[in-house]
Amino acid sequence: MKIAIAADHAGFEGKELIKHTLDEIGVEYDDMGTYSTDSVDYPDYARKVAEAVARGDYQQGVLVCGSGTGMAISANKVHGIRAAVAWNAETASLARQHNNANVLAIGWRTSPEGTIPDIVKAWFAANFEGGRHAGRVEKITQIEKDDLC
């Protein structure tokens, strides 16, 4: 599996920590920025990762900002993306198992540093369960197709 990872300035340190965890569990990644704590706009990085995942260049994405929320909101604007903010291992697993989420968003300022490796490990250990969840995910896809907004 190869994934795309990115962060804004607020999530830069978290992204660097996550890269070590990805190395540890054997998940390949391409780092799409940012490469410092200099101020940047999170939607630019969320879009870069989300579009790459939606095109099929990567199987999944990981985004890090201060809260995870801005990244998730931005990524979810891209058709085919189901980005979820996870603040612990359980929410990460459930997002994969029940929602077939394909982008993980983490808040560097809102998640205790010690929990972030567990969140990442839980995300990559979980798989979509299908079954009763498949119809619900299809309804999410239908909302995108209807695009009434």
N, C-alpha and C. Protein backbone atom coordinates (compact mmCIF):
# COMPACT_ATOMS: atom_id res chain seq x y z
N MET A 1 0.84 -1.18 0.00
CA MET A 1 0.00 0.00 0.00
C MET A 1 0.88 1.24 0.00
N LYS A 2 0.49 2.21 -0.82
CA LYS A 2 1.19 3.49 -0.83
C LYS A 2 0.16 4.59 -0.60
N ILE A 3 0.49 5.50 0.30
CA ILE A 3 -0.44 6.56 0.65
C ILE A 3 0.20 7.92 0.42
N ALA A 4 -0.63 8.94 0.44
CA ALA A 4 -0.18 10.33 0.38
C ALA A 4 -0.39 10.94 1.77
N ILE A 5 0.57 11.74 2.19
CA ILE A 5 0.47 12.39 3.50
C ILE A 5 0.83 13.87 3.34
N ALA A 6 0.14 14.72 4.09
CA ALA A 6 0.43 16.15 4.05
C ALA A 6 -0.04 16.79 5.35
N ALA A 7 0.47 17.99 5.59
CA ALA A 7 0.10 18.75 6.77
C ALA A 7 0.21 20.23 6.45
N ASP A 8 -0.44 21.03 7.26
CA ASP A 8 -0.18 22.47 7.23
C ASP A 8 0.89 22.75 8.28
N HIS A 9 1.15 24.02 8.51
CA HIS A 9 2.18 24.40 9.49
C HIS A 9 1.87 23.90 10.90
N ALA A 10 0.59 23.91 11.25
CA ALA A 10 0.20 23.49 12.60
C ALA A 10 0.35 21.98 12.78
N GLY A 11 0.32 21.24 11.69
CA GLY A 11 0.42 19.79 11.77
C GLY A 11 1.76 19.23 11.35
N PHE A 12 2.70 20.11 10.98
CA PHE A 12 3.99 19.65 10.46
C PHE A 12 4.68 18.66 11.40
N GLU A 13 4.78 19.00 12.67
CA GLU A 13 5.46 18.11 13.62
C GLU A 13 4.74 16.77 13.75
N GLY A 14 3.42 16.81 13.72
CA GLY A 14 2.64 15.58 13.77
C GLY A 14 2.87 14.71 12.55
N LYS A 15 2.95 15.35 11.39
CA LYS A 15 3.22 14.61 10.15
C LYS A 15 4.55 13.88 10.24
N GLU A 16 5.55 14.56 10.78
CA GLU A 16 6.87 13.94 10.90
C GLU A 16 6.82 12.74 11.85
N LEU A 17 6.06 12.84 12.94
CA LEU A 17 5.87 11.72 13.86
C LEU A 17 5.16 10.57 13.15
N ILE A 18 4.13 10.89 12.40
CA ILE A 18 3.35 9.87 11.70
C ILE A 18 4.21 9.14 10.67
N LYS A 19 5.11 9.85 10.02
CA LYS A 19 5.99 9.20 9.04
C LYS A 19 6.82 8.10 9.71
N HIS A 20 7.26 8.33 10.93
CA HIS A 20 8.00 7.29 11.66
C HIS A 20 7.12 6.08 11.92
N THR A 21 5.87 6.33 12.28
CA THR A 21 4.93 5.22 12.52
C THR A 21 4.67 4.46 11.23
N LEU A 22 4.50 5.17 10.13
CA LEU A 22 4.28 4.51 8.84
C LEU A 22 5.48 3.63 8.47
N ASP A 23 6.68 4.13 8.70
CA ASP A 23 7.89 3.34 8.45
C ASP A 23 7.87 2.07 9.29
N GLU A 24 7.47 2.22 10.54
CA GLU A 24 7.45 1.10 11.48
C GLU A 24 6.48 0.01 11.04
N ILE A 25 5.31 0.40 10.52
CA ILE A 25 4.30 -0.60 10.14
C ILE A 25 4.38 -0.98 8.66
N GLY A 26 5.34 -0.43 7.95
CA GLY A 26 5.57 -0.83 6.57
C GLY A 26 4.62 -0.24 5.54
N VAL A 27 4.10 0.94 5.80
CA VAL A 27 3.24 1.62 4.83
C VAL A 27 4.08 2.65 4.09
N GLU A 28 4.15 2.51 2.76
CA GLU A 28 4.89 3.47 1.95
C GLU A 28 4.08 4.75 1.80
N TYR A 29 4.77 5.87 1.66
CA TYR A 29 4.08 7.15 1.56
C TYR A 29 4.88 8.12 0.71
N ASP A 30 4.14 9.07 0.15
CA ASP A 30 4.74 10.24 -0.48
C ASP A 30 4.33 11.44 0.35
N ASP A 31 5.29 12.22 0.75
CA ASP A 31 5.06 13.43 1.56
C ASP A 31 4.79 14.59 0.61
N MET A 32 3.58 15.12 0.68
CA MET A 32 3.16 16.21 -0.21
C MET A 32 3.23 17.57 0.47
N GLY A 33 3.98 17.66 1.56
CA GLY A 33 4.17 18.95 2.21
C GLY A 33 3.29 19.11 3.44
N THR A 34 3.39 20.20 4.04
CA THR A 34 4.38 21.24 3.98
C THR A 34 5.65 20.71 4.63
N TYR A 35 6.72 21.41 4.42
CA TYR A 35 8.01 20.91 4.86
C TYR A 35 8.63 21.76 5.96
N SER A 36 7.81 22.58 6.62
CA SER A 36 8.29 23.41 7.72
C SER A 36 7.09 23.91 8.53
N THR A 37 7.37 24.70 9.54
CA THR A 37 6.30 25.29 10.34
C THR A 37 5.94 26.69 9.86
N ASP A 38 6.44 27.09 8.70
CA ASP A 38 6.05 28.37 8.11
C ASP A 38 4.57 28.33 7.74
N SER A 39 3.86 29.40 7.99
CA SER A 39 2.41 29.45 7.78
C SER A 39 2.03 29.16 6.33
N VAL A 40 1.07 28.24 6.16
CA VAL A 40 0.51 27.89 4.86
C VAL A 40 -1.01 27.72 5.02
N ASP A 41 -1.69 27.54 3.93
CA ASP A 41 -3.15 27.36 3.95
C ASP A 41 -3.49 25.88 3.83
N TYR A 42 -4.15 25.34 4.86
CA TYR A 42 -4.45 23.91 4.90
C TYR A 42 -5.26 23.40 3.72
N PRO A 43 -6.20 24.19 3.14
CA PRO A 43 -6.96 23.62 2.01
C PRO A 43 -6.08 23.22 0.82
N ASP A 44 -4.97 23.91 0.63
CA ASP A 44 -4.08 23.58 -0.48
C ASP A 44 -3.52 22.17 -0.33
N TYR A 45 -3.15 21.79 0.87
CA TYR A 45 -2.56 20.48 1.11
C TYR A 45 -3.63 19.39 1.17
N ALA A 46 -4.78 19.71 1.74
CA ALA A 46 -5.88 18.74 1.76
C ALA A 46 -6.31 18.40 0.34
N ARG A 47 -6.40 19.41 -0.49
CA ARG A 47 -6.82 19.20 -1.88
C ARG A 47 -5.81 18.34 -2.63
N LYS A 48 -4.54 18.62 -2.43
CA LYS A 48 -3.48 17.88 -3.12
C LYS A 48 -3.59 16.37 -2.81
N VAL A 49 -3.73 16.04 -1.54
CA VAL A 49 -3.84 14.64 -1.13
C VAL A 49 -5.17 14.05 -1.59
N ALA A 50 -6.26 14.76 -1.38
CA ALA A 50 -7.58 14.23 -1.73
C ALA A 50 -7.70 13.96 -3.23
N GLU A 51 -7.23 14.86 -4.04
CA GLU A 51 -7.30 14.65 -5.49
C GLU A 51 -6.44 13.47 -5.92
N ALA A 52 -5.29 13.30 -5.30
CA ALA A 52 -4.42 12.16 -5.64
C ALA A 52 -5.07 10.84 -5.25
N VAL A 53 -5.76 10.80 -4.11
CA VAL A 53 -6.46 9.59 -3.70
C VAL A 53 -7.66 9.35 -4.62
N ALA A 54 -8.41 10.39 -4.91
CA ALA A 54 -9.59 10.25 -5.78
C ALA A 54 -9.21 9.77 -7.18
N ARG A 55 -8.08 10.20 -7.69
CA ARG A 55 -7.60 9.76 -9.01
C ARG A 55 -7.13 8.31 -9.00
N GLY A 56 -6.87 7.78 -7.81
CA GLY A 56 -6.36 6.42 -7.69
C GLY A 56 -4.85 6.33 -7.68
N ASP A 57 -4.18 7.47 -7.58
CA ASP A 57 -2.72 7.47 -7.50
C ASP A 57 -2.25 6.84 -6.18
N TYR A 58 -3.08 6.98 -5.14
CA TYR A 58 -2.79 6.43 -3.82
C TYR A 58 -4.04 5.75 -3.30
N GLN A 59 -3.86 4.76 -2.46
CA GLN A 59 -5.00 4.05 -1.90
C GLN A 59 -5.68 4.83 -0.78
N GLN A 60 -4.89 5.58 -0.03
CA GLN A 60 -5.43 6.35 1.09
C GLN A 60 -4.59 7.59 1.30
N GLY A 61 -5.09 8.47 2.17
CA GLY A 61 -4.35 9.67 2.52
C GLY A 61 -4.39 9.91 4.01
N VAL A 62 -3.39 10.65 4.49
CA VAL A 62 -3.34 11.09 5.87
C VAL A 62 -3.06 12.59 5.86
N LEU A 63 -3.86 13.33 6.62
CA LEU A 63 -3.73 14.79 6.70
C LEU A 63 -3.62 15.20 8.17
N VAL A 64 -2.79 16.20 8.43
CA VAL A 64 -2.61 16.67 9.80
C VAL A 64 -2.67 18.19 9.81
N CYS A 65 -3.49 18.73 10.69
CA CYS A 65 -3.52 20.17 10.94
C CYS A 65 -3.73 20.35 12.44
N GLY A 66 -4.06 21.54 12.87
CA GLY A 66 -4.23 21.78 14.30
C GLY A 66 -5.29 20.91 14.94
N SER A 67 -6.47 20.86 14.31
CA SER A 67 -7.58 20.07 14.86
C SER A 67 -7.96 18.87 14.01
N GLY A 68 -7.51 18.83 12.78
CA GLY A 68 -7.94 17.79 11.83
C GLY A 68 -9.19 18.18 11.08
N THR A 69 -9.95 19.10 11.63
CA THR A 69 -11.24 19.46 11.06
C THR A 69 -11.12 20.20 9.74
N GLY A 70 -10.27 21.20 9.66
CA GLY A 70 -10.12 21.97 8.42
C GLY A 70 -9.66 21.09 7.28
N MET A 71 -8.73 20.20 7.56
CA MET A 71 -8.25 19.27 6.54
C MET A 71 -9.38 18.36 6.07
N ALA A 72 -10.15 17.82 7.01
CA ALA A 72 -11.24 16.90 6.65
C ALA A 72 -12.31 17.61 5.84
N ILE A 73 -12.70 18.80 6.26
CA ILE A 73 -13.71 19.55 5.51
C ILE A 73 -13.23 19.80 4.09
N SER A 74 -12.00 20.24 3.95
CA SER A 74 -11.45 20.53 2.62
C SER A 74 -11.38 19.27 1.77
N ALA A 75 -10.84 18.20 2.32
CA ALA A 75 -10.71 16.95 1.56
C ALA A 75 -12.06 16.41 1.13
N ASN A 76 -13.07 16.55 1.99
CA ASN A 76 -14.39 16.02 1.66
C ASN A 76 -15.10 16.77 0.54
N LYS A 77 -14.55 17.88 0.09
CA LYS A 77 -15.11 18.58 -1.06
C LYS A 77 -14.75 17.89 -2.37
N VAL A 78 -13.78 16.99 -2.34
CA VAL A 78 -13.35 16.27 -3.53
C VAL A 78 -14.21 15.02 -3.68
N HIS A 79 -14.84 14.86 -4.84
CA HIS A 79 -15.68 13.68 -5.09
C HIS A 79 -14.88 12.40 -4.90
N GLY A 80 -15.48 11.46 -4.19
CA GLY A 80 -14.85 10.17 -3.96
C GLY A 80 -14.07 10.10 -2.66
N ILE A 81 -13.99 11.20 -1.95
CA ILE A 81 -13.24 11.22 -0.69
C ILE A 81 -14.20 11.14 0.48
N ARG A 82 -13.82 10.29 1.43
CA ARG A 82 -14.52 10.18 2.69
C ARG A 82 -13.45 10.35 3.78
N ALA A 83 -13.23 11.60 4.15
CA ALA A 83 -12.23 11.93 5.15
C ALA A 83 -12.86 11.95 6.53
N ALA A 84 -12.16 11.37 7.48
CA ALA A 84 -12.66 11.30 8.85
C ALA A 84 -11.62 11.82 9.81
N VAL A 85 -12.07 12.61 10.76
CA VAL A 85 -11.19 13.04 11.85
C VAL A 85 -11.22 11.95 12.91
N ALA A 86 -10.06 11.48 13.28
CA ALA A 86 -9.97 10.46 14.34
C ALA A 86 -9.17 11.03 15.50
N TRP A 87 -9.69 10.90 16.69
CA TRP A 87 -9.03 11.43 17.88
C TRP A 87 -8.58 10.31 18.81
N ASN A 88 -8.88 9.06 18.44
CA ASN A 88 -8.38 7.92 19.18
C ASN A 88 -8.41 6.70 18.26
N ALA A 89 -7.87 5.59 18.71
CA ALA A 89 -7.78 4.39 17.88
C ALA A 89 -9.16 3.87 17.49
N GLU A 90 -10.12 3.94 18.40
CA GLU A 90 -11.46 3.43 18.10
C GLU A 90 -12.13 4.21 16.98
N THR A 91 -12.06 5.54 17.00
CA THR A 91 -12.70 6.31 15.93
C THR A 91 -11.99 6.07 14.60
N ALA A 92 -10.69 5.85 14.63
CA ALA A 92 -9.96 5.53 13.40
C ALA A 92 -10.43 4.20 12.82
N SER A 93 -10.52 3.18 13.66
CA SER A 93 -10.97 1.86 13.20
C SER A 93 -12.39 1.91 12.66
N LEU A 94 -13.27 2.56 13.39
CA LEU A 94 -14.68 2.62 12.97
C LEU A 94 -14.86 3.38 11.67
N ALA A 95 -14.07 4.42 11.46
CA ALA A 95 -14.16 5.18 10.21
C ALA A 95 -13.83 4.29 9.02
N ARG A 96 -12.85 3.42 9.17
CA ARG A 96 -12.49 2.48 8.10
C ARG A 96 -13.53 1.38 7.99
N GLN A 97 -13.90 0.77 9.13
CA GLN A 97 -14.78 -0.40 9.11
C GLN A 97 -16.20 -0.07 8.66
N HIS A 98 -16.75 1.04 9.12
CA HIS A 98 -18.16 1.35 8.87
C HIS A 98 -18.38 2.36 7.75
N ASN A 99 -17.43 3.27 7.53
CA ASN A 99 -17.63 4.35 6.56
C ASN A 99 -16.76 4.22 5.32
N ASN A 100 -15.90 3.22 5.31
CA ASN A 100 -14.93 3.05 4.21
C ASN A 100 -14.19 4.36 3.95
N ALA A 101 -13.84 5.05 5.03
CA ALA A 101 -13.11 6.31 4.91
C ALA A 101 -11.77 6.04 4.23
N ASN A 102 -11.37 6.96 3.36
CA ASN A 102 -10.12 6.77 2.63
C ASN A 102 -9.09 7.86 2.93
N VAL A 103 -9.44 8.81 3.76
CA VAL A 103 -8.50 9.83 4.21
C VAL A 103 -8.66 10.01 5.73
N LEU A 104 -7.55 9.88 6.42
CA LEU A 104 -7.51 10.08 7.86
C LEU A 104 -7.03 11.49 8.15
N ALA A 105 -7.77 12.21 8.97
CA ALA A 105 -7.37 13.55 9.41
C ALA A 105 -7.13 13.51 10.92
N ILE A 106 -6.00 14.07 11.32
CA ILE A 106 -5.61 14.07 12.72
C ILE A 106 -5.29 15.49 13.16
N GLY A 107 -5.70 15.81 14.37
CA GLY A 107 -5.39 17.11 14.96
C GLY A 107 -4.16 17.04 15.83
N TRP A 108 -3.09 17.69 15.41
CA TRP A 108 -1.85 17.69 16.18
C TRP A 108 -2.02 18.43 17.50
N ARG A 109 -2.82 19.49 17.51
CA ARG A 109 -3.00 20.27 18.73
C ARG A 109 -4.08 19.69 19.65
N THR A 110 -4.90 18.80 19.12
CA THR A 110 -6.03 18.29 19.90
C THR A 110 -5.91 16.82 20.27
N SER A 111 -4.92 16.14 19.74
CA SER A 111 -4.69 14.73 20.07
C SER A 111 -3.42 14.62 20.89
N PRO A 112 -3.47 13.97 22.04
CA PRO A 112 -2.25 13.78 22.80
C PRO A 112 -1.21 13.05 21.93
N GLU A 113 0.01 13.56 21.94
CA GLU A 113 1.06 13.02 21.08
C GLU A 113 1.20 11.51 21.20
N GLY A 114 1.06 10.99 22.40
CA GLY A 114 1.21 9.55 22.62
C GLY A 114 0.14 8.71 21.97
N THR A 115 -1.01 9.32 21.64
CA THR A 115 -2.09 8.54 21.02
C THR A 115 -1.99 8.49 19.50
N ILE A 116 -1.23 9.38 18.92
CA ILE A 116 -1.21 9.48 17.45
C ILE A 116 -0.67 8.21 16.79
N PRO A 117 0.41 7.60 17.26
CA PRO A 117 0.82 6.34 16.63
C PRO A 117 -0.25 5.26 16.71
N ASP A 118 -0.99 5.20 17.82
CA ASP A 118 -2.07 4.22 17.96
C ASP A 118 -3.20 4.50 16.98
N ILE A 119 -3.51 5.77 16.76
CA ILE A 119 -4.55 6.14 15.79
C ILE A 119 -4.14 5.66 14.41
N VAL A 120 -2.92 5.94 14.03
CA VAL A 120 -2.43 5.55 12.70
C VAL A 120 -2.40 4.03 12.55
N LYS A 121 -1.92 3.34 13.55
CA LYS A 121 -1.88 1.87 13.49
C LYS A 121 -3.27 1.27 13.40
N ALA A 122 -4.21 1.81 14.16
CA ALA A 122 -5.58 1.31 14.12
C ALA A 122 -6.21 1.54 12.75
N TRP A 123 -5.96 2.71 12.17
CA TRP A 123 -6.49 3.03 10.84
C TRP A 123 -6.03 2.00 9.81
N PHE A 124 -4.73 1.74 9.78
CA PHE A 124 -4.19 0.84 8.76
C PHE A 124 -4.44 -0.63 9.06
N ALA A 125 -4.80 -0.96 10.29
CA ALA A 125 -5.13 -2.34 10.63
C ALA A 125 -6.58 -2.67 10.28
N ALA A 126 -7.41 -1.66 10.13
CA ALA A 126 -8.85 -1.87 9.90
C ALA A 126 -9.17 -1.92 8.41
N ASN A 127 -10.22 -2.65 8.10
CA ASN A 127 -10.72 -2.75 6.72
C ASN A 127 -12.22 -2.53 6.71
N PHE A 128 -12.71 -2.08 5.58
CA PHE A 128 -14.15 -1.88 5.42
C PHE A 128 -14.86 -3.21 5.58
N GLU A 129 -15.90 -3.23 6.39
CA GLU A 129 -16.63 -4.46 6.67
C GLU A 129 -17.69 -4.78 5.62
N GLY A 130 -18.09 -3.80 4.82
CA GLY A 130 -19.13 -4.05 3.83
C GLY A 130 -20.44 -4.38 4.53
N GLY A 131 -21.16 -5.37 4.01
CA GLY A 131 -22.41 -5.80 4.63
C GLY A 131 -23.39 -4.65 4.77
N ARG A 132 -23.95 -4.50 5.95
CA ARG A 132 -24.95 -3.46 6.18
C ARG A 132 -24.40 -2.06 5.97
N HIS A 133 -23.07 -1.91 6.05
CA HIS A 133 -22.45 -0.60 5.88
C HIS A 133 -22.34 -0.21 4.40
N ALA A 134 -22.31 -1.17 3.52
CA ALA A 134 -22.11 -0.89 2.09
C ALA A 134 -23.23 -0.01 1.53
N GLY A 135 -24.45 -0.28 1.89
CA GLY A 135 -25.58 0.52 1.41
C GLY A 135 -25.50 1.95 1.92
N ARG A 136 -25.03 2.12 3.11
CA ARG A 136 -24.91 3.47 3.68
C ARG A 136 -23.81 4.26 2.97
N VAL A 137 -22.71 3.60 2.69
CA VAL A 137 -21.63 4.27 1.96
C VAL A 137 -22.10 4.61 0.55
N GLU A 138 -22.88 3.73 -0.05
CA GLU A 138 -23.42 4.02 -1.37
C GLU A 138 -24.34 5.24 -1.33
N LYS A 139 -25.07 5.43 -0.26
CA LYS A 139 -25.90 6.63 -0.12
C LYS A 139 -25.04 7.89 -0.05
N ILE A 140 -23.89 7.81 0.58
CA ILE A 140 -22.96 8.94 0.59
C ILE A 140 -22.52 9.25 -0.83
N THR A 141 -22.17 8.22 -1.58
CA THR A 141 -21.75 8.39 -2.97
C THR A 141 -22.87 8.99 -3.80
N GLN A 142 -24.11 8.60 -3.52
CA GLN A 142 -25.25 9.14 -4.27
C GLN A 142 -25.43 10.63 -3.99
N ILE A 143 -25.17 11.06 -2.78
CA ILE A 143 -25.24 12.48 -2.46
C ILE A 143 -24.26 13.25 -3.35
N GLU A 144 -23.05 12.71 -3.50
CA GLU A 144 -22.07 13.34 -4.39
C GLU A 144 -22.58 13.40 -5.82
N LYS A 145 -23.16 12.31 -6.29
CA LYS A 145 -23.65 12.27 -7.66
C LYS A 145 -24.79 13.25 -7.88
N ASP A 146 -25.65 13.40 -6.90
CA ASP A 146 -26.78 14.33 -7.02
C ASP A 146 -26.29 15.77 -7.04
N ASP A 147 -25.27 16.05 -6.24
CA ASP A 147 -24.61 17.36 -6.20
C ASP A 147 -25.60 18.50 -6.31
N LEU A 148 -26.53 18.56 -5.41
CA LEU A 148 -27.57 19.58 -5.45
C LEU A 148 -27.11 20.92 -4.88
N CYS A 149 -25.96 20.94 -4.31
CA CYS A 149 -25.47 22.18 -3.69
C CYS A 149 -24.99 23.18 -4.72
